[in-house]
């Protein structure tokens, strides 16, 4: 999956961008107070995308 599509899904699901790390972007879900980081690669493995969504407690992103 594309990184930008996953980020759009996170923001649409209510997650907030916190900061840019050296190699990752950090997002926060204020509803359940959980943080997850997204690597800065153009393509993100679907397993990792699923894990990020589970960590943030949101619906799993499925490319349409």
PDB file of N, CA and C in Angstrom:
ATOM      1  N   UNK A   1       0.837  -1.178   0.000  1.00  0.00           N
ATOM      2  CA  UNK A   1       0.000   0.000   0.000  1.00  0.00           C
ATOM      3  C   UNK A   1       0.880   1.239   0.000  1.00  0.00           C
ATOM      4  N   UNK A   2       0.348   2.302  -0.508  1.00  0.00           N
ATOM      5  CA  UNK A   2       1.079   3.567  -0.544  1.00  0.00           C
ATOM      6  C   UNK A   2       1.030   4.232   0.829  1.00  0.00           C
ATOM      7  N   UNK A   3       2.125   4.843   1.212  1.00  0.00           N
ATOM      8  CA  UNK A   3       2.237   5.523   2.506  1.00  0.00           C
ATOM      9  C   UNK A   3       1.216   6.649   2.617  1.00  0.00           C
ATOM     10  N   UNK A   4       1.079   7.433   1.535  1.00  0.00           N
ATOM     11  CA  UNK A   4       0.169   8.579   1.597  1.00  0.00           C
ATOM     12  C   UNK A   4      -1.285   8.131   1.765  1.00  0.00           C
ATOM     13  N   UNK A   5      -1.658   6.972   1.202  1.00  0.00           N
ATOM     14  CA  UNK A   5      -3.017   6.456   1.372  1.00  0.00           C
ATOM     15  C   UNK A   5      -3.259   6.024   2.818  1.00  0.00           C
ATOM     16  N   UNK A   6      -2.253   5.398   3.432  1.00  0.00           N
ATOM     17  CA  UNK A   6      -2.378   4.999   4.833  1.00  0.00           C
ATOM     18  C   UNK A   6      -2.501   6.222   5.735  1.00  0.00           C
ATOM     19  N   UNK A   7      -1.721   7.256   5.470  1.00  0.00           N
ATOM     20  CA  UNK A   7      -1.783   8.481   6.284  1.00  0.00           C
ATOM     21  C   UNK A   7      -3.156   9.147   6.147  1.00  0.00           C
ATOM     22  N   UNK A   8      -3.706   9.179   4.930  1.00  0.00           N
ATOM     23  CA  UNK A   8      -5.054   9.740   4.734  1.00  0.00           C
ATOM     24  C   UNK A   8      -6.079   8.965   5.556  1.00  0.00           C
ATOM     25  N   UNK A   9      -5.934   7.642   5.581  1.00  0.00           N
ATOM     26  CA  UNK A   9      -6.848   6.800   6.354  1.00  0.00           C
ATOM     27  C   UNK A   9      -6.724   7.085   7.852  1.00  0.00           C
ATOM     28  N   UNK A  10      -5.495   7.260   8.335  1.00  0.00           N
ATOM     29  CA  UNK A  10      -5.289   7.547   9.759  1.00  0.00           C
ATOM     30  C   UNK A  10      -5.943   8.868  10.151  1.00  0.00           C
ATOM     31  N   UNK A  11      -5.737   9.884   9.344  1.00  0.00           N
ATOM     32  CA  UNK A  11      -6.299  11.208   9.650  1.00  0.00           C
ATOM     33  C   UNK A  11      -7.825  11.168   9.582  1.00  0.00           C
ATOM     34  N   UNK A  12      -8.359  10.476   8.569  1.00  0.00           N
ATOM     35  CA  UNK A  12      -9.812  10.348   8.422  1.00  0.00           C
ATOM     36  C   UNK A  12     -10.422   9.600   9.608  1.00  0.00           C
ATOM     37  N   UNK A  13      -9.637   8.705  10.218  1.00  0.00           N
ATOM     38  CA  UNK A  13     -10.112   7.922  11.361  1.00  0.00           C
ATOM     39  C   UNK A  13      -9.936   8.644  12.694  1.00  0.00           C
ATOM     40  N   UNK A  14      -9.434   9.864  12.672  1.00  0.00           N
ATOM     41  CA  UNK A  14      -9.337  10.657  13.889  1.00  0.00           C
ATOM     42  C   UNK A  14      -7.960  10.694  14.527  1.00  0.00           C
ATOM     43  N   UNK A  15      -6.966  10.118  13.886  1.00  0.00           N
ATOM     44  CA  UNK A  15      -5.613  10.158  14.438  1.00  0.00           C
ATOM     45  C   UNK A  15      -4.960  11.502  14.126  1.00  0.00           C
ATOM     46  N   UNK A  16      -4.051  11.898  14.982  1.00  0.00           N
ATOM     47  CA  UNK A  16      -3.401  13.202  14.880  1.00  0.00           C
ATOM     48  C   UNK A  16      -1.910  13.007  14.624  1.00  0.00           C
ATOM     49  N   UNK A  17      -1.388  13.774  13.658  1.00  0.00           N
ATOM     50  CA  UNK A  17       0.050  13.762  13.402  1.00  0.00           C
ATOM     51  C   UNK A  17       0.740  14.466  14.562  1.00  0.00           C
ATOM     52  N   UNK A  18       1.758  13.816  15.154  1.00  0.00           N
ATOM     53  CA  UNK A  18       2.445  14.375  16.310  1.00  0.00           C
ATOM     54  C   UNK A  18       3.765  15.007  15.898  1.00  0.00           C
ATOM     55  N   UNK A  19       4.629  14.206  15.240  1.00  0.00           N
ATOM     56  CA  UNK A  19       5.948  14.730  14.883  1.00  0.00           C
ATOM     57  C   UNK A  19       6.609  13.845  13.839  1.00  0.00           C
ATOM     58  N   UNK A  20       7.669  14.380  13.257  1.00  0.00           N
ATOM     59  CA  UNK A  20       8.523  13.622  12.348  1.00  0.00           C
ATOM     60  C   UNK A  20       9.750  13.185  13.124  1.00  0.00           C
ATOM     61  N   UNK A  21      10.039  11.904  13.109  1.00  0.00           N
ATOM     62  CA  UNK A  21      11.269  11.409  13.704  1.00  0.00           C
ATOM     63  C   UNK A  21      12.347  11.363  12.634  1.00  0.00           C
ATOM     64  N   UNK A  22      13.458  10.719  12.929  1.00  0.00           N
ATOM     65  CA  UNK A  22      14.546  10.619  11.960  1.00  0.00           C
ATOM     66  C   UNK A  22      14.124   9.802  10.741  1.00  0.00           C
ATOM     67  N   UNK A  23      13.429   8.698  10.978  1.00  0.00           N
ATOM     68  CA  UNK A  23      13.026   7.830   9.873  1.00  0.00           C
ATOM     69  C   UNK A  23      11.555   7.457   9.902  1.00  0.00           C
ATOM     70  N   UNK A  24      10.782   8.043  10.824  1.00  0.00           N
ATOM     71  CA  UNK A  24       9.377   7.698  10.995  1.00  0.00           C
ATOM     72  C   UNK A  24       8.537   8.942  11.242  1.00  0.00           C
ATOM     73  N   UNK A  25       7.250   8.829  10.947  1.00  0.00           N
ATOM     74  CA  UNK A  25       6.258   9.835  11.332  1.00  0.00           C
ATOM     75  C   UNK A  25       5.453   9.232  12.467  1.00  0.00           C
ATOM     76  N   UNK A  26       5.135  10.038  13.466  1.00  0.00           N
ATOM     77  CA  UNK A  26       4.441   9.539  14.650  1.00  0.00           C
ATOM     78  C   UNK A  26       3.013  10.073  14.657  1.00  0.00           C
ATOM     79  N   UNK A  27       2.051   9.150  14.840  1.00  0.00           N
ATOM     80  CA  UNK A  27       0.634   9.496  14.907  1.00  0.00           C
ATOM     81  C   UNK A  27       0.063   9.061  16.241  1.00  0.00           C
ATOM     82  N   UNK A  28      -0.977   9.802  16.701  1.00  0.00           N
ATOM     83  CA  UNK A  28      -1.580   9.590  18.012  1.00  0.00           C
ATOM     84  C   UNK A  28      -3.090   9.503  17.849  1.00  0.00           C
ATOM     85  N   UNK A  29      -3.708   8.517  18.513  1.00  0.00           N
ATOM     86  CA  UNK A  29      -5.160   8.404  18.542  1.00  0.00           C
ATOM     87  C   UNK A  29      -5.630   8.918  19.897  1.00  0.00           C
ATOM     88  N   UNK A  30      -6.256  10.105  19.943  1.00  0.00           N
ATOM     89  CA  UNK A  30      -6.650  10.694  21.232  1.00  0.00           C
ATOM     90  C   UNK A  30      -7.799   9.954  21.929  1.00  0.00           C
ATOM     91  N   UNK A  31      -8.584   9.178  21.194  1.00  0.00           N
ATOM     92  CA  UNK A  31      -9.708   8.476  21.808  1.00  0.00           C
ATOM     93  C   UNK A  31      -9.247   7.366  22.748  1.00  0.00           C
ATOM     94  N   UNK A  32      -8.210   6.638  22.346  1.00  0.00           N
ATOM     95  CA  UNK A  32      -7.722   5.551  23.203  1.00  0.00           C
ATOM     96  C   UNK A  32      -6.304   5.812  23.705  1.00  0.00           C
ATOM     97  N   UNK A  33      -5.778   6.992  23.372  1.00  0.00           N
ATOM     98  CA  UNK A  33      -4.466   7.443  23.859  1.00  0.00           C
ATOM     99  C   UNK A  33      -3.348   6.457  23.500  1.00  0.00           C
ATOM    100  N   UNK A  34      -3.253   6.123  22.198  1.00  0.00           N
ATOM    101  CA  UNK A  34      -2.219   5.207  21.707  1.00  0.00           C
ATOM    102  C   UNK A  34      -1.403   5.899  20.626  1.00  0.00           C
ATOM    103  N   UNK A  35      -0.135   5.541  20.549  1.00  0.00           N
ATOM    104  CA  UNK A  35       0.792   6.117  19.572  1.00  0.00           C
ATOM    105  C   UNK A  35       1.354   5.010  18.697  1.00  0.00           C
ATOM    106  N   UNK A  36       1.590   5.329  17.422  1.00  0.00           N
ATOM    107  CA  UNK A  36       2.251   4.402  16.510  1.00  0.00           C
ATOM    108  C   UNK A  36       3.085   5.208  15.526  1.00  0.00           C
ATOM    109  N   UNK A  37       4.146   4.589  15.022  1.00  0.00           N
ATOM    110  CA  UNK A  37       5.009   5.276  14.061  1.00  0.00           C
ATOM    111  C   UNK A  37       4.905   4.614  12.698  1.00  0.00           C
ATOM    112  N   UNK A  38       5.016   5.436  11.652  1.00  0.00           N
ATOM    113  CA  UNK A  38       4.926   4.973  10.278  1.00  0.00           C
ATOM    114  C   UNK A  38       6.256   5.259   9.596  1.00  0.00           C
ATOM    115  N   UNK A  39       6.891   4.233   9.040  1.00  0.00           N
ATOM    116  CA  UNK A  39       8.173   4.455   8.380  1.00  0.00           C
ATOM    117  C   UNK A  39       8.010   5.323   7.134  1.00  0.00           C
ATOM    118  N   UNK A  40       9.061   6.050   6.784  1.00  0.00           N
ATOM    119  CA  UNK A  40       9.020   6.919   5.615  1.00  0.00           C
ATOM    120  C   UNK A  40       9.508   6.173   4.373  1.00  0.00           C
ATOM    121  N   UNK A  41       8.682   5.218   3.908  1.00  0.00           N
ATOM    122  CA  UNK A  41       8.928   4.505   2.658  1.00  0.00           C
ATOM    123  C   UNK A  41       7.738   4.784   1.750  1.00  0.00           C
ATOM    124  N   UNK A  42       7.952   4.781   0.439  1.00  0.00           N
ATOM    125  CA  UNK A  42       6.832   5.007  -0.485  1.00  0.00           C
ATOM    126  C   UNK A  42       5.809   3.887  -0.382  1.00  0.00           C
ATOM    127  N   UNK A  43       6.279   2.665  -0.268  1.00  0.00           N
ATOM    128  CA  UNK A  43       5.410   1.498  -0.138  1.00  0.00           C
ATOM    129  C   UNK A  43       5.535   0.927   1.271  1.00  0.00           C
ATOM    130  N   UNK A  44       4.395   0.610   1.866  1.00  0.00           N
ATOM    131  CA  UNK A  44       4.384  -0.004   3.195  1.00  0.00           C
ATOM    132  C   UNK A  44       3.769  -1.387   3.049  1.00  0.00           C
ATOM    133  N   UNK A  45       4.424  -2.364   3.610  1.00  0.00           N
ATOM    134  CA  UNK A  45       3.955  -3.743   3.583  1.00  0.00           C
ATOM    135  C   UNK A  45       2.541  -3.799   4.171  1.00  0.00           C
ATOM    136  N   UNK A  46       1.660  -4.596   3.559  1.00  0.00           N
ATOM    137  CA  UNK A  46       0.267  -4.658   4.030  1.00  0.00           C
ATOM    138  C   UNK A  46       0.180  -5.192   5.457  1.00  0.00           C
ATOM    139  N   UNK A  47       1.091  -6.096   5.832  1.00  0.00           N
ATOM    140  CA  UNK A  47       1.108  -6.601   7.207  1.00  0.00           C
ATOM    141  C   UNK A  47       1.419  -5.463   8.184  1.00  0.00           C
ATOM    142  N   UNK A  48       2.390  -4.619   7.841  1.00  0.00           N
ATOM    143  CA  UNK A  48       2.753  -3.496   8.703  1.00  0.00           C
ATOM    144  C   UNK A  48       1.615  -2.486   8.773  1.00  0.00           C
ATOM    145  N   UNK A  49       0.951  -2.225   7.649  1.00  0.00           N
ATOM    146  CA  UNK A  49      -0.199  -1.318   7.648  1.00  0.00           C
ATOM    147  C   UNK A  49      -1.306  -1.811   8.555  1.00  0.00           C
ATOM    148  N   UNK A  50      -1.555  -3.118   8.524  1.00  0.00           N
ATOM    149  CA  UNK A  50      -2.569  -3.719   9.399  1.00  0.00           C
ATOM    150  C   UNK A  50      -2.170  -3.564  10.862  1.00  0.00           C
ATOM    151  N   UNK A  51      -0.895  -3.784  11.162  1.00  0.00           N
ATOM    152  CA  UNK A  51      -0.388  -3.668  12.531  1.00  0.00           C
ATOM    153  C   UNK A  51      -0.495  -2.229  13.040  1.00  0.00           C
ATOM    154  N   UNK A  52      -0.187  -1.255  12.197  1.00  0.00           N
ATOM    155  CA  UNK A  52      -0.287   0.163  12.589  1.00  0.00           C
ATOM    156  C   UNK A  52      -1.738   0.493  12.934  1.00  0.00           C
ATOM    157  N   UNK A  53      -2.674   0.048  12.116  1.00  0.00           N
ATOM    158  CA  UNK A  53      -4.094   0.307  12.380  1.00  0.00           C
ATOM    159  C   UNK A  53      -4.537  -0.358  13.687  1.00  0.00           C
ATOM    160  N   UNK A  54      -4.088  -1.576  13.923  1.00  0.00           N
ATOM    161  CA  UNK A  54      -4.429  -2.261  15.170  1.00  0.00           C
ATOM    162  C   UNK A  54      -3.834  -1.535  16.370  1.00  0.00           C
ATOM    163  N   UNK A  55      -2.597  -1.064  16.253  1.00  0.00           N
ATOM    164  CA  UNK A  55      -1.956  -0.333  17.349  1.00  0.00           C
ATOM    165  C   UNK A  55      -2.730   0.925  17.706  1.00  0.00           C
ATOM    166  N   UNK A  56      -3.256   1.597  16.678  1.00  0.00           N
ATOM    167  CA  UNK A  56      -3.998   2.840  16.910  1.00  0.00           C
ATOM    168  C   UNK A  56      -5.473   2.609  17.205  1.00  0.00           C
ATOM    169  N   UNK A  57      -5.926   1.362  17.125  1.00  0.00           N
ATOM    170  CA  UNK A  57      -7.305   1.028  17.459  1.00  0.00           C
ATOM    171  C   UNK A  57      -8.314   1.527  16.450  1.00  0.00           C
ATOM    172  N   UNK A  58      -7.949   1.529  15.159  1.00  0.00           N
ATOM    173  CA  UNK A  58      -8.870   1.985  14.127  1.00  0.00           C
ATOM    174  C   UNK A  58      -9.150   0.843  13.157  1.00  0.00           C
ATOM    175  N   UNK A  59     -10.117   1.072  12.270  1.00  0.00           N
ATOM    176  CA  UNK A  59     -10.455   0.073  11.262  1.00  0.00           C
ATOM    177  C   UNK A  59      -9.260  -0.174  10.343  1.00  0.00           C
ATOM    178  N   UNK A  60      -9.054  -1.429   9.993  1.00  0.00           N
ATOM    179  CA  UNK A  60      -7.909  -1.795   9.154  1.00  0.00           C
ATOM    180  C   UNK A  60      -8.126  -1.267   7.748  1.00  0.00           C
ATOM    181  N   UNK A  61      -7.079  -0.643   7.211  1.00  0.00           N
ATOM    182  CA  UNK A  61      -7.137  -0.034   5.881  1.00  0.00           C
ATOM    183  C   UNK A  61      -7.076  -1.111   4.814  1.00  0.00           C
ATOM    184  N   UNK A  62      -8.055  -1.106   3.908  1.00  0.00           N
ATOM    185  CA  UNK A  62      -8.064  -2.022   2.769  1.00  0.00           C
ATOM    186  C   UNK A  62      -8.103  -1.177   1.508  1.00  0.00           C
ATOM    187  N   UNK A  63      -7.126  -1.385   0.650  1.00  0.00           N
ATOM    188  CA  UNK A  63      -7.043  -0.615  -0.587  1.00  0.00           C
ATOM    189  C   UNK A  63      -8.231  -0.961  -1.474  1.00  0.00           C
ATOM    190  N   UNK A  64      -8.901   0.075  -1.987  1.00  0.00           N
ATOM    191  CA  UNK A  64     -10.094  -0.135  -2.820  1.00  0.00           C
ATOM    192  C   UNK A  64      -9.805   0.155  -4.255  1.00  0.00           C
TER     193      UNK A  64
END
